[in-house]
């Protein structure tokens, strides 16, 4: 008899614990993940802003392939991208860093607000955010163009050891919901 009372008590205990649980809440699950990806690192010195005749070239440009947004995961779940820059500008001039997202045919997809650095600055941090509303504009990105524009001023002296250093990364924010799966 004690055995039946024990089994009956266990059944009541489990049915009492489960009866008020709403398993439909599983549909409201949202999972957020962040992925940090290194992007570009470069160092420009005074010689990089001088041509073969020592004339100043104030605009330098380079196109870089980036598969950052490639694949269906980004297309389906990317909600924001934070571009993080650490920049040192030891020149005595302002330098502007501009970048633009391009598709595979080099058509412009998105132009990011420029980063205006101040002279004699070290390890300044800058953030440029691509919001969820802007993500569709850059999702087809295959490459981007980096432009470095130095303002004119006192002639550059390559012997001073001045430089413009850029380290960059992107922090990708993803959101996956039960509806997505």
N, C-alpha and C. Protein backbone atom coordinates (compact mmCIF):
# COMPACT_ATOMS: atom_id res chain seq x y z
N UNK A 1 0.81 -1.19 0.00
CA UNK A 1 0.00 0.00 0.00
C UNK A 1 0.87 1.27 0.00
N UNK A 2 1.96 1.26 0.81
CA UNK A 2 2.85 2.41 0.85
C UNK A 2 3.46 2.67 -0.52
N UNK A 3 3.68 1.58 -1.27
CA UNK A 3 4.26 1.70 -2.61
C UNK A 3 3.30 2.47 -3.52
N UNK A 4 1.99 2.18 -3.46
CA UNK A 4 1.01 2.88 -4.29
C UNK A 4 0.85 4.34 -3.88
N UNK A 5 0.90 4.61 -2.60
CA UNK A 5 0.81 6.00 -2.14
C UNK A 5 2.03 6.80 -2.62
N UNK A 6 3.21 6.19 -2.59
CA UNK A 6 4.43 6.85 -3.05
C UNK A 6 4.34 7.15 -4.54
N UNK A 7 3.91 6.20 -5.35
CA UNK A 7 3.78 6.38 -6.80
C UNK A 7 2.72 7.44 -7.08
N UNK A 8 1.59 7.40 -6.39
CA UNK A 8 0.54 8.39 -6.57
C UNK A 8 1.04 9.79 -6.21
N UNK A 9 1.83 9.88 -5.14
CA UNK A 9 2.40 11.18 -4.73
C UNK A 9 3.35 11.72 -5.79
N UNK A 10 4.16 10.88 -6.37
CA UNK A 10 5.11 11.29 -7.42
C UNK A 10 4.34 11.78 -8.65
N UNK A 11 3.31 11.05 -9.05
CA UNK A 11 2.51 11.46 -10.21
C UNK A 11 1.85 12.81 -9.94
N UNK A 12 1.29 13.03 -8.77
CA UNK A 12 0.69 14.31 -8.43
C UNK A 12 1.73 15.43 -8.42
N UNK A 13 2.91 15.13 -7.90
CA UNK A 13 3.97 16.12 -7.83
C UNK A 13 4.36 16.57 -9.24
N UNK A 14 4.60 15.64 -10.15
CA UNK A 14 5.01 16.00 -11.51
C UNK A 14 3.89 16.65 -12.29
N UNK A 15 2.68 16.20 -12.13
CA UNK A 15 1.59 16.83 -12.88
C UNK A 15 1.31 18.23 -12.33
N UNK A 16 1.53 18.46 -11.07
CA UNK A 16 1.34 19.78 -10.48
C UNK A 16 2.41 20.76 -10.93
N UNK A 17 3.64 20.29 -11.16
CA UNK A 17 4.73 21.16 -11.57
C UNK A 17 4.64 21.54 -13.04
N UNK A 18 4.03 20.74 -13.86
CA UNK A 18 4.03 20.95 -15.30
C UNK A 18 2.75 21.60 -15.78
N UNK A 19 1.69 21.52 -15.03
CA UNK A 19 0.40 21.96 -15.53
C UNK A 19 0.34 23.45 -15.84
N UNK A 20 1.09 24.30 -15.16
CA UNK A 20 1.02 25.74 -15.40
C UNK A 20 2.10 26.25 -16.35
N UNK A 21 2.90 25.38 -16.93
CA UNK A 21 4.00 25.81 -17.80
C UNK A 21 3.49 26.03 -19.21
N UNK A 22 3.86 27.18 -19.79
CA UNK A 22 3.46 27.52 -21.15
C UNK A 22 4.63 27.24 -22.08
N UNK A 23 4.60 26.12 -22.78
CA UNK A 23 5.69 25.75 -23.67
C UNK A 23 5.67 26.55 -24.97
N UNK A 24 4.64 27.33 -25.22
CA UNK A 24 4.59 28.18 -26.41
C UNK A 24 5.56 29.35 -26.31
N UNK A 25 6.08 29.63 -25.12
CA UNK A 25 7.04 30.72 -24.95
C UNK A 25 8.34 30.45 -25.70
N UNK A 26 8.59 29.22 -26.06
CA UNK A 26 9.80 28.87 -26.81
C UNK A 26 9.85 29.66 -28.12
N UNK A 27 8.69 30.03 -28.65
CA UNK A 27 8.64 30.80 -29.89
C UNK A 27 9.14 32.23 -29.71
N UNK A 28 9.25 32.69 -28.48
CA UNK A 28 9.70 34.06 -28.20
C UNK A 28 11.20 34.15 -27.95
N UNK A 29 11.92 33.05 -28.10
CA UNK A 29 13.36 33.05 -27.83
C UNK A 29 14.09 33.90 -28.85
N UNK A 30 15.01 34.73 -28.37
CA UNK A 30 15.89 35.51 -29.22
C UNK A 30 17.31 35.28 -28.72
N UNK A 31 18.20 34.91 -29.63
CA UNK A 31 19.60 34.67 -29.29
C UNK A 31 20.44 35.75 -29.97
N UNK A 32 21.23 36.44 -29.18
CA UNK A 32 22.11 37.49 -29.69
C UNK A 32 23.55 37.00 -29.59
N UNK A 33 24.30 37.15 -30.67
CA UNK A 33 25.72 36.79 -30.65
C UNK A 33 26.52 37.93 -31.29
N UNK A 34 27.73 38.07 -30.84
CA UNK A 34 28.65 39.06 -31.39
C UNK A 34 29.91 38.35 -31.87
N UNK A 35 30.42 38.80 -33.01
CA UNK A 35 31.65 38.24 -33.57
C UNK A 35 32.59 39.39 -33.90
N UNK A 36 33.82 39.33 -33.40
CA UNK A 36 34.81 40.37 -33.64
C UNK A 36 35.77 39.88 -34.72
N UNK A 37 35.94 40.67 -35.77
CA UNK A 37 36.78 40.29 -36.91
C UNK A 37 37.80 41.40 -37.15
N UNK A 38 39.08 41.04 -37.20
CA UNK A 38 40.11 42.02 -37.56
C UNK A 38 39.95 42.38 -39.02
N UNK A 39 40.17 43.65 -39.33
CA UNK A 39 40.01 44.10 -40.71
C UNK A 39 41.34 44.51 -41.32
N UNK A 40 41.71 45.75 -41.11
CA UNK A 40 42.84 46.33 -41.82
C UNK A 40 43.81 46.94 -40.81
N UNK A 41 45.09 46.74 -41.08
CA UNK A 41 46.14 47.42 -40.34
C UNK A 41 47.09 48.01 -41.36
N UNK A 42 47.43 49.27 -41.19
CA UNK A 42 48.46 49.85 -42.04
C UNK A 42 49.16 51.00 -41.33
N UNK A 43 50.37 51.27 -41.82
CA UNK A 43 51.19 52.35 -41.29
C UNK A 43 51.72 53.13 -42.49
N UNK A 44 51.44 54.43 -42.50
CA UNK A 44 51.92 55.31 -43.56
C UNK A 44 52.93 56.28 -42.96
N UNK A 45 54.04 56.43 -43.64
CA UNK A 45 55.07 57.36 -43.21
C UNK A 45 55.17 58.49 -44.22
N UNK A 46 55.99 59.48 -43.93
CA UNK A 46 56.10 60.66 -44.79
C UNK A 46 56.43 60.27 -46.23
N UNK A 47 57.29 59.29 -46.44
CA UNK A 47 57.65 58.86 -47.80
C UNK A 47 56.44 58.37 -48.59
N UNK A 48 55.44 57.85 -47.90
CA UNK A 48 54.24 57.35 -48.58
C UNK A 48 53.42 58.50 -49.17
N UNK A 49 53.61 59.70 -48.65
CA UNK A 49 52.89 60.88 -49.15
C UNK A 49 53.73 61.70 -50.14
N UNK A 50 54.86 61.13 -50.56
CA UNK A 50 55.74 61.80 -51.52
C UNK A 50 55.87 60.95 -52.77
N UNK A 51 55.84 61.60 -53.95
CA UNK A 51 56.05 60.85 -55.19
C UNK A 51 57.56 60.74 -55.48
N UNK A 52 57.90 60.23 -56.65
CA UNK A 52 59.30 60.02 -57.01
C UNK A 52 60.11 61.32 -57.08
N UNK A 53 59.43 62.44 -57.26
CA UNK A 53 60.11 63.74 -57.34
C UNK A 53 60.00 64.51 -56.01
N UNK A 54 59.58 63.82 -54.94
CA UNK A 54 59.37 64.40 -53.62
C UNK A 54 58.27 65.46 -53.57
N UNK A 55 57.34 65.38 -54.51
CA UNK A 55 56.14 66.22 -54.47
C UNK A 55 55.11 65.51 -53.58
N UNK A 56 54.40 66.29 -52.81
CA UNK A 56 53.41 65.69 -51.91
C UNK A 56 52.21 65.15 -52.67
N UNK A 57 51.79 63.97 -52.28
CA UNK A 57 50.56 63.34 -52.76
C UNK A 57 49.65 63.30 -51.55
N UNK A 58 48.66 64.15 -51.50
CA UNK A 58 47.85 64.30 -50.30
C UNK A 58 46.70 63.30 -50.20
N UNK A 59 46.41 62.60 -51.29
CA UNK A 59 45.34 61.59 -51.27
C UNK A 59 45.92 60.23 -51.63
N UNK A 60 45.80 59.29 -50.72
CA UNK A 60 46.19 57.91 -50.96
C UNK A 60 44.93 57.06 -50.92
N UNK A 61 44.87 56.07 -51.79
CA UNK A 61 43.66 55.25 -51.87
C UNK A 61 44.05 53.80 -52.13
N UNK A 62 43.28 52.89 -51.56
CA UNK A 62 43.50 51.46 -51.78
C UNK A 62 42.17 50.74 -51.71
N UNK A 63 42.00 49.76 -52.57
CA UNK A 63 40.79 48.93 -52.56
C UNK A 63 41.15 47.59 -51.94
N UNK A 64 40.33 47.17 -50.97
CA UNK A 64 40.59 45.95 -50.22
C UNK A 64 39.39 45.04 -50.33
N UNK A 65 39.63 43.77 -50.64
CA UNK A 65 38.55 42.78 -50.66
C UNK A 65 38.25 42.35 -49.23
N UNK A 66 36.97 42.32 -48.89
CA UNK A 66 36.57 41.88 -47.56
C UNK A 66 35.37 40.95 -47.65
N UNK A 67 35.51 39.74 -47.17
CA UNK A 67 34.36 38.83 -47.16
C UNK A 67 33.57 38.90 -45.85
N UNK A 68 33.58 40.05 -45.19
CA UNK A 68 32.97 40.19 -43.88
C UNK A 68 31.48 39.87 -43.89
N UNK A 69 30.78 40.32 -44.91
CA UNK A 69 29.33 40.15 -44.95
C UNK A 69 28.91 38.96 -45.79
N UNK A 70 29.86 38.16 -46.25
CA UNK A 70 29.54 37.05 -47.15
C UNK A 70 28.74 35.96 -46.43
N UNK A 71 27.84 35.37 -47.16
CA UNK A 71 27.12 34.20 -46.66
C UNK A 71 25.74 34.49 -46.12
N UNK A 72 24.94 33.44 -46.07
CA UNK A 72 23.55 33.60 -45.64
C UNK A 72 23.39 33.96 -44.17
N UNK A 73 24.37 33.62 -43.33
CA UNK A 73 24.23 33.94 -41.91
C UNK A 73 24.12 35.46 -41.72
N UNK A 74 25.01 36.19 -42.37
CA UNK A 74 24.95 37.65 -42.28
C UNK A 74 23.69 38.18 -42.95
N UNK A 75 23.35 37.63 -44.10
CA UNK A 75 22.16 38.10 -44.81
C UNK A 75 20.90 37.92 -43.98
N UNK A 76 20.83 36.82 -43.24
CA UNK A 76 19.61 36.51 -42.49
C UNK A 76 19.56 37.09 -41.08
N UNK A 77 20.73 37.24 -40.43
CA UNK A 77 20.72 37.53 -39.00
C UNK A 77 21.47 38.79 -38.57
N UNK A 78 22.25 39.41 -39.45
CA UNK A 78 23.04 40.58 -39.05
C UNK A 78 22.11 41.75 -38.76
N UNK A 79 22.28 42.35 -37.58
CA UNK A 79 21.44 43.49 -37.21
C UNK A 79 22.25 44.77 -37.02
N UNK A 80 23.57 44.66 -36.88
CA UNK A 80 24.39 45.85 -36.71
C UNK A 80 25.85 45.47 -36.88
N UNK A 81 26.64 46.41 -37.37
CA UNK A 81 28.09 46.23 -37.49
C UNK A 81 28.77 47.48 -36.94
N UNK A 82 29.65 47.28 -35.97
CA UNK A 82 30.41 48.39 -35.38
C UNK A 82 31.84 48.33 -35.89
N UNK A 83 32.23 49.33 -36.66
CA UNK A 83 33.60 49.39 -37.15
C UNK A 83 34.43 50.16 -36.12
N UNK A 84 35.47 49.50 -35.63
CA UNK A 84 36.29 50.04 -34.55
C UNK A 84 37.67 50.39 -35.10
N UNK A 85 38.13 51.58 -34.81
CA UNK A 85 39.42 52.04 -35.30
C UNK A 85 40.26 52.54 -34.13
N UNK A 86 41.54 52.20 -34.17
CA UNK A 86 42.51 52.81 -33.27
C UNK A 86 43.53 53.47 -34.18
N UNK A 87 43.64 54.80 -34.07
CA UNK A 87 44.46 55.57 -35.01
C UNK A 87 45.45 56.45 -34.26
N UNK A 88 46.68 56.45 -34.77
CA UNK A 88 47.71 57.37 -34.29
C UNK A 88 48.14 58.23 -35.47
N UNK A 89 48.13 59.52 -35.26
CA UNK A 89 48.55 60.49 -36.28
C UNK A 89 49.62 61.37 -35.67
N UNK A 90 50.89 61.03 -35.92
CA UNK A 90 51.98 61.81 -35.33
C UNK A 90 52.43 62.96 -36.24
N UNK A 91 51.78 63.09 -37.41
CA UNK A 91 52.06 64.24 -38.28
C UNK A 91 51.52 65.51 -37.63
N UNK A 92 52.00 66.66 -38.09
CA UNK A 92 51.50 67.93 -37.57
C UNK A 92 50.38 68.48 -38.45
N UNK A 93 49.63 67.58 -39.08
CA UNK A 93 48.52 67.95 -39.95
C UNK A 93 47.31 67.07 -39.65
N UNK A 94 46.14 67.59 -39.96
CA UNK A 94 44.94 66.77 -39.89
C UNK A 94 44.97 65.75 -41.01
N UNK A 95 44.51 64.55 -40.70
CA UNK A 95 44.39 63.49 -41.71
C UNK A 95 42.99 62.91 -41.59
N UNK A 96 42.34 62.73 -42.74
CA UNK A 96 41.00 62.17 -42.78
C UNK A 96 41.04 60.77 -43.37
N UNK A 97 40.35 59.85 -42.71
CA UNK A 97 40.20 58.49 -43.22
C UNK A 97 38.76 58.32 -43.68
N UNK A 98 38.59 57.91 -44.91
CA UNK A 98 37.26 57.72 -45.49
C UNK A 98 37.19 56.31 -46.08
N UNK A 99 36.08 55.64 -45.90
CA UNK A 99 35.93 54.36 -46.58
C UNK A 99 34.51 54.21 -47.12
N UNK A 100 34.47 53.43 -48.19
CA UNK A 100 33.23 53.27 -48.94
C UNK A 100 33.07 51.80 -49.30
N UNK A 101 31.88 51.27 -49.10
CA UNK A 101 31.59 49.88 -49.45
C UNK A 101 31.22 49.77 -50.92
N UNK A 102 31.76 48.73 -51.57
CA UNK A 102 31.52 48.53 -53.00
C UNK A 102 31.00 47.12 -53.26
N UNK A 103 30.23 46.97 -54.35
CA UNK A 103 29.82 45.64 -54.78
C UNK A 103 30.91 45.05 -55.68
N UNK A 104 30.66 43.88 -56.24
CA UNK A 104 31.68 43.20 -57.05
C UNK A 104 32.05 43.98 -58.31
N UNK A 105 31.19 44.89 -58.77
CA UNK A 105 31.46 45.71 -59.95
C UNK A 105 32.01 47.09 -59.59
N UNK A 106 32.41 47.26 -58.34
CA UNK A 106 32.95 48.52 -57.82
C UNK A 106 31.93 49.65 -57.79
N UNK A 107 30.66 49.31 -57.76
CA UNK A 107 29.61 50.31 -57.57
C UNK A 107 29.48 50.62 -56.08
N UNK A 108 29.27 51.88 -55.77
CA UNK A 108 29.15 52.29 -54.38
C UNK A 108 27.87 51.77 -53.75
N UNK A 109 28.00 51.17 -52.58
CA UNK A 109 26.84 50.68 -51.83
C UNK A 109 26.55 51.56 -50.61
N UNK A 110 27.63 52.05 -50.00
CA UNK A 110 27.45 52.81 -48.77
C UNK A 110 28.72 53.60 -48.47
N UNK A 111 28.56 54.86 -48.15
CA UNK A 111 29.67 55.73 -47.80
C UNK A 111 29.58 56.02 -46.31
N UNK A 112 30.65 55.73 -45.57
CA UNK A 112 30.66 55.90 -44.12
C UNK A 112 31.17 57.30 -43.77
N UNK A 113 30.64 57.86 -42.70
CA UNK A 113 31.11 59.18 -42.25
C UNK A 113 32.62 59.15 -42.05
N UNK A 114 33.31 60.17 -42.55
CA UNK A 114 34.78 60.17 -42.45
C UNK A 114 35.26 60.29 -41.01
N UNK A 115 36.47 59.84 -40.80
CA UNK A 115 37.13 59.97 -39.51
C UNK A 115 38.18 61.06 -39.66
N UNK A 116 38.01 62.14 -38.95
CA UNK A 116 38.94 63.26 -39.00
C UNK A 116 39.86 63.18 -37.79
N UNK A 117 41.13 62.88 -38.06
CA UNK A 117 42.09 62.75 -36.96
C UNK A 117 42.81 64.08 -36.75
N UNK A 118 43.22 64.29 -35.54
CA UNK A 118 43.94 65.52 -35.21
C UNK A 118 45.44 65.26 -35.21
N UNK A 119 46.22 66.32 -35.45
CA UNK A 119 47.67 66.16 -35.43
C UNK A 119 48.17 65.71 -34.06
N UNK A 120 49.28 64.99 -34.07
CA UNK A 120 49.97 64.56 -32.85
C UNK A 120 49.07 63.80 -31.88
N UNK A 121 48.21 62.94 -32.41
CA UNK A 121 47.33 62.13 -31.57
C UNK A 121 47.81 60.68 -31.60
N UNK A 122 47.68 60.01 -30.46
CA UNK A 122 48.15 58.63 -30.34
C UNK A 122 47.03 57.76 -29.79
N UNK A 123 46.81 56.64 -30.48
CA UNK A 123 45.82 55.63 -30.05
C UNK A 123 44.43 56.20 -29.79
N UNK A 124 44.00 57.10 -30.65
CA UNK A 124 42.63 57.62 -30.57
C UNK A 124 41.68 56.54 -31.09
N UNK A 125 40.56 56.37 -30.41
CA UNK A 125 39.59 55.35 -30.82
C UNK A 125 38.36 56.01 -31.45
N UNK A 126 37.92 55.39 -32.54
CA UNK A 126 36.76 55.87 -33.29
C UNK A 126 35.85 54.68 -33.57
N UNK A 127 34.56 54.95 -33.60
CA UNK A 127 33.58 53.91 -33.91
C UNK A 127 32.64 54.45 -34.98
N UNK A 128 32.39 53.61 -35.97
CA UNK A 128 31.39 53.94 -36.99
C UNK A 128 30.41 52.78 -37.02
N UNK A 129 29.12 53.08 -36.82
CA UNK A 129 28.11 52.03 -36.68
C UNK A 129 27.24 51.95 -37.92
N UNK A 130 27.08 50.73 -38.41
CA UNK A 130 26.14 50.44 -39.48
C UNK A 130 24.91 49.86 -38.78
N UNK A 131 23.84 50.61 -38.77
CA UNK A 131 22.63 50.20 -38.04
C UNK A 131 21.85 49.15 -38.83
N UNK A 132 20.85 48.59 -38.17
CA UNK A 132 20.03 47.56 -38.81
C UNK A 132 19.36 48.08 -40.09
N UNK A 133 18.94 49.34 -40.07
CA UNK A 133 18.31 49.92 -41.26
C UNK A 133 19.31 50.07 -42.41
N UNK A 134 20.59 50.21 -42.09
CA UNK A 134 21.62 50.39 -43.12
C UNK A 134 22.24 49.07 -43.58
N UNK A 135 22.03 47.99 -42.83
CA UNK A 135 22.64 46.70 -43.16
C UNK A 135 22.34 46.26 -44.59
N UNK A 136 21.10 46.37 -45.08
CA UNK A 136 20.86 45.95 -46.47
C UNK A 136 21.72 46.70 -47.50
N UNK A 137 22.12 47.92 -47.19
CA UNK A 137 22.96 48.68 -48.10
C UNK A 137 24.36 48.12 -48.23
N UNK A 138 24.84 47.43 -47.20
CA UNK A 138 26.22 46.94 -47.23
C UNK A 138 26.33 45.42 -47.30
N UNK A 139 25.21 44.72 -47.27
CA UNK A 139 25.24 43.25 -47.23
C UNK A 139 25.88 42.66 -48.49
N UNK A 140 25.80 43.36 -49.61
CA UNK A 140 26.38 42.86 -50.86
C UNK A 140 27.84 43.30 -51.03
N UNK A 141 28.44 43.82 -49.99
CA UNK A 141 29.82 44.31 -50.07
C UNK A 141 30.80 43.19 -50.40
N UNK A 142 31.60 43.45 -51.40
CA UNK A 142 32.69 42.54 -51.78
C UNK A 142 34.04 43.15 -51.45
N UNK A 143 34.08 44.49 -51.42
CA UNK A 143 35.34 45.19 -51.14
C UNK A 143 35.01 46.59 -50.67
N UNK A 144 36.02 47.23 -50.14
CA UNK A 144 35.83 48.64 -49.81
C UNK A 144 37.07 49.43 -50.17
N UNK A 145 36.84 50.71 -50.37
CA UNK A 145 37.92 51.62 -50.73
C UNK A 145 38.28 52.44 -49.49
N UNK A 146 39.56 52.42 -49.17
CA UNK A 146 40.08 53.27 -48.10
C UNK A 146 40.74 54.48 -48.74
N UNK A 147 40.41 55.64 -48.24
CA UNK A 147 41.05 56.87 -48.72
C UNK A 147 41.63 57.60 -47.52
N UNK A 148 42.87 58.02 -47.68
CA UNK A 148 43.55 58.79 -46.64
C UNK A 148 43.88 60.15 -47.26
N UNK A 149 43.36 61.19 -46.66
CA UNK A 149 43.54 62.54 -47.17
C UNK A 149 44.26 63.38 -46.12
N UNK A 150 45.46 63.85 -46.48
CA UNK A 150 46.23 64.70 -45.57
C UNK A 150 46.06 66.15 -46.01
N UNK A 151 45.82 67.04 -45.04
CA UNK A 151 45.72 68.45 -45.40
C UNK A 151 47.11 68.98 -45.74
N UNK A 152 47.15 70.02 -46.55
CA UNK A 152 48.44 70.60 -46.91
C UNK A 152 48.99 71.41 -45.73
N UNK A 153 50.27 71.64 -45.77
CA UNK A 153 50.91 72.37 -44.69
C UNK A 153 52.40 72.49 -44.91
N UNK A 154 53.13 72.58 -43.82
CA UNK A 154 54.59 72.65 -43.87
C UNK A 154 55.09 71.42 -44.63
N UNK A 155 56.06 71.59 -45.53
CA UNK A 155 56.55 70.44 -46.30
C UNK A 155 56.94 69.26 -45.41
N UNK A 156 56.62 68.07 -45.89
CA UNK A 156 56.91 66.85 -45.13
C UNK A 156 58.41 66.57 -45.12
N UNK A 157 58.91 66.17 -43.96
CA UNK A 157 60.31 65.80 -43.81
C UNK A 157 60.37 64.31 -43.46
N UNK A 158 60.81 63.47 -44.40
CA UNK A 158 60.86 62.02 -44.14
C UNK A 158 61.80 61.62 -43.01
N UNK A 159 62.68 62.51 -42.62
CA UNK A 159 63.66 62.18 -41.57
C UNK A 159 63.10 62.31 -40.16
N UNK A 160 61.88 62.84 -40.02
CA UNK A 160 61.31 63.05 -38.68
C UNK A 160 60.66 61.79 -38.10
N UNK A 161 60.44 60.78 -38.92
CA UNK A 161 59.85 59.53 -38.42
C UNK A 161 58.38 59.62 -38.07
N UNK A 162 57.66 60.53 -38.71
CA UNK A 162 56.23 60.69 -38.43
C UNK A 162 55.43 59.60 -39.15
N UNK A 163 54.27 59.26 -38.59
CA UNK A 163 53.47 58.19 -39.21
C UNK A 163 51.99 58.36 -38.92
N UNK A 164 51.22 57.65 -39.73
CA UNK A 164 49.77 57.55 -39.57
C UNK A 164 49.47 56.05 -39.50
N UNK A 165 49.06 55.58 -38.32
CA UNK A 165 48.82 54.14 -38.09
C UNK A 165 47.34 53.89 -37.86
N UNK A 166 46.83 52.86 -38.54
CA UNK A 166 45.42 52.50 -38.40
C UNK A 166 45.31 51.01 -38.11
N UNK A 167 44.61 50.68 -37.04
CA UNK A 167 44.22 49.30 -36.74
C UNK A 167 42.70 49.29 -36.75
N UNK A 168 42.11 48.30 -37.41
CA UNK A 168 40.65 48.28 -37.45
C UNK A 168 40.11 46.87 -37.29
N UNK A 169 38.88 46.83 -36.81
CA UNK A 169 38.15 45.58 -36.63
C UNK A 169 36.67 45.90 -36.79
N UNK A 170 35.89 44.85 -36.94
CA UNK A 170 34.44 45.03 -37.00
C UNK A 170 33.81 44.08 -36.00
N UNK A 171 32.88 44.60 -35.23
CA UNK A 171 32.10 43.80 -34.29
C UNK A 171 30.73 43.61 -34.91
N UNK A 172 30.44 42.36 -35.29
CA UNK A 172 29.18 42.03 -35.96
C UNK A 172 28.18 41.54 -34.92
N UNK A 173 27.00 42.12 -34.95
CA UNK A 173 25.93 41.77 -34.01
C UNK A 173 24.85 40.99 -34.77
N UNK A 174 24.56 39.79 -34.28
CA UNK A 174 23.56 38.94 -34.92
C UNK A 174 22.41 38.67 -33.95
N UNK A 175 21.22 38.46 -34.53
CA UNK A 175 20.03 38.10 -33.75
C UNK A 175 19.32 36.96 -34.46
N UNK A 176 19.12 35.86 -33.74
CA UNK A 176 18.41 34.70 -34.28
C UNK A 176 17.20 34.46 -33.38
N UNK A 177 16.05 34.28 -34.01
CA UNK A 177 14.83 34.01 -33.25
C UNK A 177 14.31 32.62 -33.61
N UNK A 178 13.38 32.13 -32.80
CA UNK A 178 12.77 30.81 -33.07
C UNK A 178 12.04 30.83 -34.41
N UNK A 179 11.50 31.97 -34.80
CA UNK A 179 10.81 32.08 -36.08
C UNK A 179 11.76 31.85 -37.25
N UNK A 180 13.05 32.19 -37.05
CA UNK A 180 14.05 32.04 -38.11
C UNK A 180 14.39 30.57 -38.37
N UNK A 181 14.21 29.76 -37.37
CA UNK A 181 14.64 28.36 -37.49
C UNK A 181 13.49 27.44 -37.86
